[in-house]
Amino acid sequence: MARRPVLDLSECTDCEGCIEMCPEVFKRNPAGYIEVEDLDHYPEVCVEDAIRSCPTDCIVWEE
């Protein structure tokens, strides 16, 4: 199984930086929260950019 990005909503400030950096992975759900799309493969460079740009470091890789 491939690793998957995980977003800690308790730390998220809702800045939408991850959505701007990597819209194919991060999106806003109908309840208004940012979530990770359920994909078979996650674009590593794009997710790494989102991780680096996150002001609260709330995005991590999960194996």
PDB file of N, CA and C in Angstrom:
ATOM      1  N   MET A   1       0.843  -1.196   0.000  1.00  0.00           N
ATOM      2  CA  MET A   1       0.000   0.000   0.000  1.00  0.00           C
ATOM      3  C   MET A   1       0.885   1.255   0.000  1.00  0.00           C
ATOM      4  N   ALA A   2       0.521   2.192  -0.816  1.00  0.00           N
ATOM      5  CA  ALA A   2       1.288   3.438  -0.920  1.00  0.00           C
ATOM      6  C   ALA A   2       1.031   4.325   0.285  1.00  0.00           C
ATOM      7  N   ARG A   3       1.987   5.194   0.541  1.00  0.00           N
ATOM      8  CA  ARG A   3       1.762   6.118   1.647  1.00  0.00           C
ATOM      9  C   ARG A   3       0.765   7.183   1.235  1.00  0.00           C
ATOM     10  N   ARG A   4       0.130   7.764   2.238  1.00  0.00           N
ATOM     11  CA  ARG A   4      -0.970   8.691   2.027  1.00  0.00           C
ATOM     12  C   ARG A   4      -0.755   9.938   2.879  1.00  0.00           C
ATOM     13  N   PRO A   5      -1.031  11.136   2.346  1.00  0.00           N
ATOM     14  CA  PRO A   5      -0.947  12.325   3.182  1.00  0.00           C
ATOM     15  C   PRO A   5      -2.131  12.372   4.150  1.00  0.00           C
ATOM     16  N   VAL A   6      -1.860  12.831   5.357  1.00  0.00           N
ATOM     17  CA  VAL A   6      -2.894  12.948   6.383  1.00  0.00           C
ATOM     18  C   VAL A   6      -2.873  14.377   6.904  1.00  0.00           C
ATOM     19  N   LEU A   7      -4.048  14.917   7.135  1.00  0.00           N
ATOM     20  CA  LEU A   7      -4.212  16.285   7.602  1.00  0.00           C
ATOM     21  C   LEU A   7      -4.786  16.266   9.014  1.00  0.00           C
ATOM     22  N   ASP A   8      -4.096  16.889   9.964  1.00  0.00           N
ATOM     23  CA  ASP A   8      -4.576  16.966  11.350  1.00  0.00           C
ATOM     24  C   ASP A   8      -5.462  18.205  11.474  1.00  0.00           C
ATOM     25  N   LEU A   9      -6.775  17.989  11.441  1.00  0.00           N
ATOM     26  CA  LEU A   9      -7.712  19.111  11.468  1.00  0.00           C
ATOM     27  C   LEU A   9      -7.661  19.904  12.766  1.00  0.00           C
ATOM     28  N   SER A  10      -7.207  19.294  13.849  1.00  0.00           N
ATOM     29  CA  SER A  10      -7.125  20.027  15.114  1.00  0.00           C
ATOM     30  C   SER A  10      -6.027  21.088  15.073  1.00  0.00           C
ATOM     31  N   GLU A  11      -5.055  20.935  14.153  1.00  0.00           N
ATOM     32  CA  GLU A  11      -3.968  21.905  14.010  1.00  0.00           C
ATOM     33  C   GLU A  11      -4.176  22.835  12.807  1.00  0.00           C
ATOM     34  N   CYS A  12      -5.062  22.466  11.903  1.00  0.00           N
ATOM     35  CA  CYS A  12      -5.264  23.200  10.653  1.00  0.00           C
ATOM     36  C   CYS A  12      -5.872  24.580  10.916  1.00  0.00           C
ATOM     37  N   THR A  13      -5.292  25.608  10.273  1.00  0.00           N
ATOM     38  CA  THR A  13      -5.810  26.969  10.402  1.00  0.00           C
ATOM     39  C   THR A  13      -6.711  27.342   9.225  1.00  0.00           C
ATOM     40  N   ASP A  14      -6.965  26.391   8.340  1.00  0.00           N
ATOM     41  CA  ASP A  14      -7.882  26.600   7.218  1.00  0.00           C
ATOM     42  C   ASP A  14      -7.369  27.651   6.240  1.00  0.00           C
ATOM     43  N   CYS A  15      -6.046  27.713   6.072  1.00  0.00           N
ATOM     44  CA  CYS A  15      -5.452  28.741   5.199  1.00  0.00           C
ATOM     45  C   CYS A  15      -5.623  28.429   3.715  1.00  0.00           C
ATOM     46  N   GLU A  16      -5.946  27.184   3.387  1.00  0.00           N
ATOM     47  CA  GLU A  16      -6.144  26.694   2.022  1.00  0.00           C
ATOM     48  C   GLU A  16      -4.862  26.628   1.195  1.00  0.00           C
ATOM     49  N   GLY A  17      -3.712  26.751   1.829  1.00  0.00           N
ATOM     50  CA  GLY A  17      -2.450  26.638   1.108  1.00  0.00           C
ATOM     51  C   GLY A  17      -2.294  25.287   0.449  1.00  0.00           C
ATOM     52  N   CYS A  18      -2.714  24.238   1.135  1.00  0.00           N
ATOM     53  CA  CYS A  18      -2.597  22.888   0.566  1.00  0.00           C
ATOM     54  C   CYS A  18      -3.496  22.729  -0.659  1.00  0.00           C
ATOM     55  N   ILE A  19      -4.671  23.336  -0.612  1.00  0.00           N
ATOM     56  CA  ILE A  19      -5.585  23.266  -1.756  1.00  0.00           C
ATOM     57  C   ILE A  19      -4.981  24.011  -2.941  1.00  0.00           C
ATOM     58  N   GLU A  20      -4.374  25.162  -2.683  1.00  0.00           N
ATOM     59  CA  GLU A  20      -3.750  25.933  -3.760  1.00  0.00           C
ATOM     60  C   GLU A  20      -2.544  25.205  -4.346  1.00  0.00           C
ATOM     61  N   MET A  21      -1.729  24.580  -3.481  1.00  0.00           N
ATOM     62  CA  MET A  21      -0.512  23.883  -3.924  1.00  0.00           C
ATOM     63  C   MET A  21      -0.823  22.567  -4.622  1.00  0.00           C
ATOM     64  N   CYS A  22      -1.856  21.883  -4.145  1.00  0.00           N
ATOM     65  CA  CYS A  22      -2.088  20.511  -4.595  1.00  0.00           C
ATOM     66  C   CYS A  22      -3.599  20.202  -4.653  1.00  0.00           C
ATOM     67  N   PRO A  23      -4.325  20.865  -5.564  1.00  0.00           N
ATOM     68  CA  PRO A  23      -5.784  20.695  -5.602  1.00  0.00           C
ATOM     69  C   PRO A  23      -6.247  19.301  -6.006  1.00  0.00           C
ATOM     70  N   GLU A  24      -5.354  18.513  -6.607  1.00  0.00           N
ATOM     71  CA  GLU A  24      -5.760  17.144  -6.953  1.00  0.00           C
ATOM     72  C   GLU A  24      -5.771  16.228  -5.732  1.00  0.00           C
ATOM     73  N   VAL A  25      -5.177  16.680  -4.629  1.00  0.00           N
ATOM     74  CA  VAL A  25      -5.107  15.861  -3.413  1.00  0.00           C
ATOM     75  C   VAL A  25      -5.970  16.434  -2.282  1.00  0.00           C
ATOM     76  N   PHE A  26      -5.917  17.747  -2.106  1.00  0.00           N
ATOM     77  CA  PHE A  26      -6.636  18.383  -1.000  1.00  0.00           C
ATOM     78  C   PHE A  26      -7.861  19.123  -1.519  1.00  0.00           C
ATOM     79  N   LYS A  27      -8.977  18.999  -0.794  1.00  0.00           N
ATOM     80  CA  LYS A  27     -10.209  19.684  -1.207  1.00  0.00           C
ATOM     81  C   LYS A  27     -11.026  20.030   0.030  1.00  0.00           C
ATOM     82  N   ARG A  28     -11.994  20.884  -0.171  1.00  0.00           N
ATOM     83  CA  ARG A  28     -12.921  21.227   0.908  1.00  0.00           C
ATOM     84  C   ARG A  28     -14.144  20.323   0.758  1.00  0.00           C
ATOM     85  N   ASN A  29     -14.526  19.647   1.821  1.00  0.00           N
ATOM     86  CA  ASN A  29     -15.666  18.739   1.756  1.00  0.00           C
ATOM     87  C   ASN A  29     -16.975  19.508   1.968  1.00  0.00           C
ATOM     88  N   PRO A  30     -18.130  18.862   1.790  1.00  0.00           N
ATOM     89  CA  PRO A  30     -19.413  19.556   1.941  1.00  0.00           C
ATOM     90  C   PRO A  30     -19.631  20.168   3.334  1.00  0.00           C
ATOM     91  N   ALA A  31     -18.983  19.635   4.345  1.00  0.00           N
ATOM     92  CA  ALA A  31     -19.121  20.170   5.698  1.00  0.00           C
ATOM     93  C   ALA A  31     -18.233  21.400   5.908  1.00  0.00           C
ATOM     94  N   GLY A  32     -17.364  21.713   4.919  1.00  0.00           N
ATOM     95  CA  GLY A  32     -16.535  22.899   5.005  1.00  0.00           C
ATOM     96  C   GLY A  32     -15.119  22.661   5.502  1.00  0.00           C
ATOM     97  N   TYR A  33     -14.759  21.399   5.737  1.00  0.00           N
ATOM     98  CA  TYR A  33     -13.416  21.075   6.207  1.00  0.00           C
ATOM     99  C   TYR A  33     -12.524  20.653   5.044  1.00  0.00           C
ATOM    100  N   ILE A  34     -11.229  20.878   5.186  1.00  0.00           N
ATOM    101  CA  ILE A  34     -10.276  20.419   4.185  1.00  0.00           C
ATOM    102  C   ILE A  34     -10.017  18.935   4.422  1.00  0.00           C
ATOM    103  N   GLU A  35     -10.000  18.157   3.352  1.00  0.00           N
ATOM    104  CA  GLU A  35      -9.743  16.723   3.465  1.00  0.00           C
ATOM    105  C   GLU A  35      -8.854  16.253   2.330  1.00  0.00           C
ATOM    106  N   VAL A  36      -8.350  15.043   2.479  1.00  0.00           N
ATOM    107  CA  VAL A  36      -7.493  14.422   1.482  1.00  0.00           C
ATOM    108  C   VAL A  36      -8.354  13.531   0.584  1.00  0.00           C
ATOM    109  N   GLU A  37      -8.211  13.704  -0.730  1.00  0.00           N
ATOM    110  CA  GLU A  37      -8.917  12.850  -1.687  1.00  0.00           C
ATOM    111  C   GLU A  37      -8.469  11.400  -1.508  1.00  0.00           C
ATOM    112  N   ASP A  38      -9.343  10.476  -1.805  1.00  0.00           N
ATOM    113  CA  ASP A  38      -9.004   9.059  -1.745  1.00  0.00           C
ATOM    114  C   ASP A  38      -8.471   8.637  -3.113  1.00  0.00           C
ATOM    115  N   LEU A  39      -7.145   8.591  -3.234  1.00  0.00           N
ATOM    116  CA  LEU A  39      -6.497   8.270  -4.505  1.00  0.00           C
ATOM    117  C   LEU A  39      -5.671   6.990  -4.377  1.00  0.00           C
ATOM    118  N   ASP A  40      -5.417   6.335  -5.500  1.00  0.00           N
ATOM    119  CA  ASP A  40      -4.546   5.160  -5.511  1.00  0.00           C
ATOM    120  C   ASP A  40      -3.080   5.557  -5.371  1.00  0.00           C
ATOM    121  N   HIS A  41      -2.752   6.732  -5.883  1.00  0.00           N
ATOM    122  CA  HIS A  41      -1.379   7.232  -5.852  1.00  0.00           C
ATOM    123  C   HIS A  41      -1.422   8.740  -5.619  1.00  0.00           C
ATOM    124  N   TYR A  42      -0.541   9.224  -4.767  1.00  0.00           N
ATOM    125  CA  TYR A  42      -0.484  10.655  -4.469  1.00  0.00           C
ATOM    126  C   TYR A  42       0.771  11.255  -5.082  1.00  0.00           C
ATOM    127  N   PRO A  43       0.642  12.377  -5.806  1.00  0.00           N
ATOM    128  CA  PRO A  43       1.798  13.007  -6.438  1.00  0.00           C
ATOM    129  C   PRO A  43       2.767  13.546  -5.390  1.00  0.00           C
ATOM    130  N   GLU A  44       3.909  12.892  -5.274  1.00  0.00           N
ATOM    131  CA  GLU A  44       4.857  13.170  -4.203  1.00  0.00           C
ATOM    132  C   GLU A  44       5.330  14.620  -4.163  1.00  0.00           C
ATOM    133  N   VAL A  45       5.704  15.173  -5.304  1.00  0.00           N
ATOM    134  CA  VAL A  45       6.235  16.540  -5.334  1.00  0.00           C
ATOM    135  C   VAL A  45       5.166  17.528  -4.878  1.00  0.00           C
ATOM    136  N   CYS A  46       3.988  17.364  -5.374  1.00  0.00           N
ATOM    137  CA  CYS A  46       2.876  18.242  -5.039  1.00  0.00           C
ATOM    138  C   CYS A  46       2.565  18.182  -3.532  1.00  0.00           C
ATOM    139  N   VAL A  47       2.483  16.988  -2.986  1.00  0.00           N
ATOM    140  CA  VAL A  47       2.190  16.826  -1.557  1.00  0.00           C
ATOM    141  C   VAL A  47       3.336  17.384  -0.714  1.00  0.00           C
ATOM    142  N   GLU A  48       4.566  17.147  -1.127  1.00  0.00           N
ATOM    143  CA  GLU A  48       5.720  17.692  -0.392  1.00  0.00           C
ATOM    144  C   GLU A  48       5.685  19.219  -0.376  1.00  0.00           C
ATOM    145  N   ASP A  49       5.290  19.833  -1.480  1.00  0.00           N
ATOM    146  CA  ASP A  49       5.149  21.293  -1.520  1.00  0.00           C
ATOM    147  C   ASP A  49       4.094  21.753  -0.519  1.00  0.00           C
ATOM    148  N   ALA A  50       2.977  21.051  -0.453  1.00  0.00           N
ATOM    149  CA  ALA A  50       1.918  21.399   0.499  1.00  0.00           C
ATOM    150  C   ALA A  50       2.411  21.226   1.938  1.00  0.00           C
ATOM    151  N   ILE A  51       3.144  20.151   2.209  1.00  0.00           N
ATOM    152  CA  ILE A  51       3.691  19.912   3.551  1.00  0.00           C
ATOM    153  C   ILE A  51       4.628  21.044   3.943  1.00  0.00           C
ATOM    154  N   ARG A  52       5.526  21.427   3.031  1.00  0.00           N
ATOM    155  CA  ARG A  52       6.485  22.504   3.331  1.00  0.00           C
ATOM    156  C   ARG A  52       5.812  23.857   3.517  1.00  0.00           C
ATOM    157  N   SER A  53       4.721  24.097   2.812  1.00  0.00           N
ATOM    158  CA  SER A  53       4.072  25.407   2.881  1.00  0.00           C
ATOM    159  C   SER A  53       3.072  25.530   4.035  1.00  0.00           C
ATOM    160  N   CYS A  54       2.755  24.431   4.689  1.00  0.00           N
ATOM    161  CA  CYS A  54       1.752  24.456   5.756  1.00  0.00           C
ATOM    162  C   CYS A  54       2.289  25.221   6.983  1.00  0.00           C
ATOM    163  N   PRO A  55       1.609  26.311   7.387  1.00  0.00           N
ATOM    164  CA  PRO A  55       2.115  27.116   8.501  1.00  0.00           C
ATOM    165  C   PRO A  55       2.058  26.420   9.861  1.00  0.00           C
ATOM    166  N   THR A  56       1.227  25.388   9.992  1.00  0.00           N
ATOM    167  CA  THR A  56       1.113  24.695  11.287  1.00  0.00           C
ATOM    168  C   THR A  56       1.669  23.274  11.249  1.00  0.00           C
ATOM    169  N   ASP A  57       2.307  22.897  10.138  1.00  0.00           N
ATOM    170  CA  ASP A  57       2.873  21.541   9.998  1.00  0.00           C
ATOM    171  C   ASP A  57       1.844  20.458  10.311  1.00  0.00           C
ATOM    172  N   CYS A  58       0.622  20.621   9.820  1.00  0.00           N
ATOM    173  CA  CYS A  58      -0.435  19.658  10.141  1.00  0.00           C
ATOM    174  C   CYS A  58      -0.625  18.589   9.073  1.00  0.00           C
ATOM    175  N   ILE A  59       0.255  18.568   8.045  1.00  0.00           N
ATOM    176  CA  ILE A  59       0.169  17.544   7.004  1.00  0.00           C
ATOM    177  C   ILE A  59       1.392  16.636   7.121  1.00  0.00           C
ATOM    178  N   VAL A  60       1.155  15.343   7.180  1.00  0.00           N
ATOM    179  CA  VAL A  60       2.238  14.372   7.251  1.00  0.00           C
ATOM    180  C   VAL A  60       1.918  13.191   6.333  1.00  0.00           C
ATOM    181  N   TRP A  61       2.953  12.429   6.016  1.00  0.00           N
ATOM    182  CA  TRP A  61       2.775  11.169   5.287  1.00  0.00           C
ATOM    183  C   TRP A  61       2.453  10.064   6.282  1.00  0.00           C
ATOM    184  N   GLU A  62       1.543   9.203   5.925  1.00  0.00           N
ATOM    185  CA  GLU A  62       1.223   8.020   6.726  1.00  0.00           C
ATOM    186  C   GLU A  62       1.489   6.806   5.844  1.00  0.00           C
ATOM    187  N   GLU A  63       2.234   5.849   6.397  1.00  0.00           N
ATOM    188  CA  GLU A  63       2.560   4.632   5.631  1.00  0.00           C
ATOM    189  C   GLU A  63       1.386   3.685   5.600  1.00  0.00           C
TER     190      GLU A  63
END
